[in-house]
Amino acid sequence: MDAFTAGLLQRIRATETDLTRARETGDDFLADVEQAELDDLRRLAAEHGVEVSSISPVSV
């Protein structure tokens, strides 16, 4: 796995964690920001052929 892929997957995992935390604390604004970031990261992954299915999706 190259550095780009590893970094992207790490950012996705961190963003999923942050999104979960925002939802659990009821911070709707932060949850929206984190969801947008996660959407962008997943789009970037798809554009570069990075498989993210092994990362569990965050339910909405």
N, C-alpha and C. Protein backbone atom coordinates (compact mmCIF):
# COMPACT_ATOMS: atom_id res chain seq x y z
N MET A 1 0.86 -1.17 0.00
CA MET A 1 0.00 0.00 0.00
C MET A 1 0.91 1.24 0.00
N ASP A 2 0.62 2.15 -0.90
CA ASP A 2 1.45 3.36 -0.98
C ASP A 2 1.03 4.38 0.07
N ALA A 3 1.84 5.42 0.22
CA ALA A 3 1.60 6.43 1.25
C ALA A 3 0.29 7.18 1.03
N PHE A 4 -0.05 7.45 -0.24
CA PHE A 4 -1.30 8.15 -0.52
C PHE A 4 -2.49 7.34 -0.03
N THR A 5 -2.52 6.05 -0.39
CA THR A 5 -3.63 5.18 0.00
C THR A 5 -3.71 5.04 1.52
N ALA A 6 -2.58 4.81 2.15
CA ALA A 6 -2.56 4.65 3.60
C ALA A 6 -3.04 5.93 4.29
N GLY A 7 -2.59 7.07 3.82
CA GLY A 7 -3.00 8.34 4.40
C GLY A 7 -4.47 8.61 4.22
N LEU A 8 -4.97 8.31 3.02
CA LEU A 8 -6.38 8.52 2.73
C LEU A 8 -7.26 7.63 3.61
N LEU A 9 -6.89 6.37 3.74
CA LEU A 9 -7.67 5.46 4.58
C LEU A 9 -7.62 5.88 6.05
N GLN A 10 -6.48 6.38 6.49
CA GLN A 10 -6.37 6.85 7.87
C GLN A 10 -7.26 8.07 8.08
N ARG A 11 -7.29 8.99 7.12
CA ARG A 11 -8.13 10.17 7.23
C ARG A 11 -9.61 9.78 7.25
N ILE A 12 -9.98 8.79 6.45
CA ILE A 12 -11.38 8.33 6.44
C ILE A 12 -11.75 7.76 7.80
N ARG A 13 -10.88 6.91 8.36
CA ARG A 13 -11.17 6.33 9.68
C ARG A 13 -11.30 7.41 10.74
N ALA A 14 -10.39 8.37 10.73
CA ALA A 14 -10.41 9.45 11.72
C ALA A 14 -11.69 10.29 11.57
N THR A 15 -12.08 10.56 10.35
CA THR A 15 -13.28 11.35 10.11
C THR A 15 -14.52 10.58 10.54
N GLU A 16 -14.55 9.28 10.30
CA GLU A 16 -15.68 8.47 10.77
C GLU A 16 -15.78 8.52 12.30
N THR A 17 -14.64 8.46 12.97
CA THR A 17 -14.63 8.54 14.43
C THR A 17 -15.13 9.90 14.89
N ASP A 18 -14.66 10.96 14.25
CA ASP A 18 -15.09 12.30 14.61
C ASP A 18 -16.58 12.51 14.35
N LEU A 19 -17.07 11.94 13.25
CA LEU A 19 -18.49 12.04 12.94
C LEU A 19 -19.33 11.33 14.00
N THR A 20 -18.92 10.15 14.37
CA THR A 20 -19.64 9.40 15.41
C THR A 20 -19.66 10.18 16.71
N ARG A 21 -18.53 10.74 17.09
CA ARG A 21 -18.45 11.52 18.33
C ARG A 21 -19.36 12.75 18.26
N ALA A 22 -19.37 13.44 17.13
CA ALA A 22 -20.23 14.61 16.97
C ALA A 22 -21.69 14.24 17.11
N ARG A 23 -22.08 13.12 16.50
CA ARG A 23 -23.47 12.68 16.60
C ARG A 23 -23.83 12.29 18.03
N GLU A 24 -22.91 11.59 18.70
CA GLU A 24 -23.17 11.15 20.07
C GLU A 24 -23.31 12.31 21.04
N THR A 25 -22.62 13.41 20.77
CA THR A 25 -22.69 14.57 21.65
C THR A 25 -23.77 15.55 21.23
N GLY A 26 -24.45 15.25 20.12
CA GLY A 26 -25.54 16.10 19.68
C GLY A 26 -25.10 17.37 18.97
N ASP A 27 -23.85 17.40 18.50
CA ASP A 27 -23.34 18.58 17.80
C ASP A 27 -23.69 18.47 16.32
N ASP A 28 -24.87 18.96 15.97
CA ASP A 28 -25.37 18.81 14.60
C ASP A 28 -24.51 19.54 13.58
N PHE A 29 -24.01 20.71 13.92
CA PHE A 29 -23.17 21.46 12.99
C PHE A 29 -21.88 20.68 12.69
N LEU A 30 -21.22 20.22 13.74
CA LEU A 30 -19.98 19.46 13.55
C LEU A 30 -20.26 18.16 12.80
N ALA A 31 -21.37 17.53 13.08
CA ALA A 31 -21.73 16.30 12.36
C ALA A 31 -21.88 16.58 10.87
N ASP A 32 -22.50 17.71 10.53
CA ASP A 32 -22.63 18.07 9.12
C ASP A 32 -21.28 18.32 8.47
N VAL A 33 -20.39 18.99 9.19
CA VAL A 33 -19.04 19.26 8.67
C VAL A 33 -18.29 17.95 8.46
N GLU A 34 -18.34 17.08 9.45
CA GLU A 34 -17.62 15.80 9.35
C GLU A 34 -18.22 14.93 8.24
N GLN A 35 -19.54 14.95 8.09
CA GLN A 35 -20.17 14.16 7.02
C GLN A 35 -19.72 14.67 5.65
N ALA A 36 -19.65 15.98 5.48
CA ALA A 36 -19.19 16.55 4.22
C ALA A 36 -17.74 16.16 3.95
N GLU A 37 -16.92 16.19 4.98
CA GLU A 37 -15.51 15.78 4.84
C GLU A 37 -15.42 14.31 4.45
N LEU A 38 -16.22 13.48 5.09
CA LEU A 38 -16.23 12.06 4.79
C LEU A 38 -16.68 11.81 3.35
N ASP A 39 -17.70 12.51 2.91
CA ASP A 39 -18.16 12.38 1.53
C ASP A 39 -17.05 12.76 0.55
N ASP A 40 -16.34 13.84 0.83
CA ASP A 40 -15.23 14.27 -0.03
C ASP A 40 -14.11 13.24 -0.06
N LEU A 41 -13.77 12.70 1.11
CA LEU A 41 -12.70 11.70 1.16
C LEU A 41 -13.09 10.43 0.41
N ARG A 42 -14.33 10.01 0.56
CA ARG A 42 -14.78 8.81 -0.17
C ARG A 42 -14.82 9.05 -1.68
N ARG A 43 -15.19 10.27 -2.09
CA ARG A 43 -15.17 10.62 -3.51
C ARG A 43 -13.74 10.58 -4.03
N LEU A 44 -12.81 11.15 -3.27
CA LEU A 44 -11.40 11.14 -3.65
C LEU A 44 -10.87 9.72 -3.76
N ALA A 45 -11.25 8.88 -2.83
CA ALA A 45 -10.83 7.49 -2.87
C ALA A 45 -11.35 6.80 -4.13
N ALA A 46 -12.61 7.02 -4.45
CA ALA A 46 -13.20 6.40 -5.64
C ALA A 46 -12.51 6.89 -6.91
N GLU A 47 -12.20 8.18 -6.96
CA GLU A 47 -11.53 8.73 -8.14
C GLU A 47 -10.15 8.12 -8.35
N HIS A 48 -9.51 7.66 -7.27
CA HIS A 48 -8.17 7.11 -7.36
C HIS A 48 -8.14 5.59 -7.22
N GLY A 49 -9.31 4.98 -7.26
CA GLY A 49 -9.38 3.52 -7.22
C GLY A 49 -9.01 2.92 -5.88
N VAL A 50 -9.17 3.68 -4.81
CA VAL A 50 -8.88 3.18 -3.47
C VAL A 50 -10.12 2.51 -2.91
N GLU A 51 -9.99 1.24 -2.55
CA GLU A 51 -11.10 0.47 -2.02
C GLU A 51 -11.31 0.83 -0.56
N VAL A 52 -12.50 1.27 -0.22
CA VAL A 52 -12.82 1.64 1.17
C VAL A 52 -13.90 0.75 1.76
N SER A 53 -14.27 -0.31 1.09
CA SER A 53 -15.35 -1.16 1.59
C SER A 53 -14.98 -1.86 2.90
N SER A 54 -13.67 -2.00 3.16
CA SER A 54 -13.27 -2.64 4.41
C SER A 54 -13.50 -1.73 5.60
N ILE A 55 -13.70 -0.44 5.34
CA ILE A 55 -13.99 0.51 6.40
C ILE A 55 -15.51 0.55 6.56
N SER A 56 -15.96 0.32 7.77
CA SER A 56 -17.41 0.29 7.98
C SER A 56 -18.02 1.65 7.76
N PRO A 57 -19.10 1.72 6.97
CA PRO A 57 -19.76 3.00 6.74
C PRO A 57 -20.44 3.50 7.99
N VAL A 58 -20.50 4.79 8.12
CA VAL A 58 -21.18 5.42 9.25
C VAL A 58 -22.64 5.58 8.88
N SER A 59 -23.52 5.05 9.71
CA SER A 59 -24.94 5.16 9.40
C SER A 59 -25.43 6.58 9.63
N VAL A 60 -26.38 7.00 8.82
CA VAL A 60 -26.93 8.36 8.91
C VAL A 60 -28.17 8.35 9.74
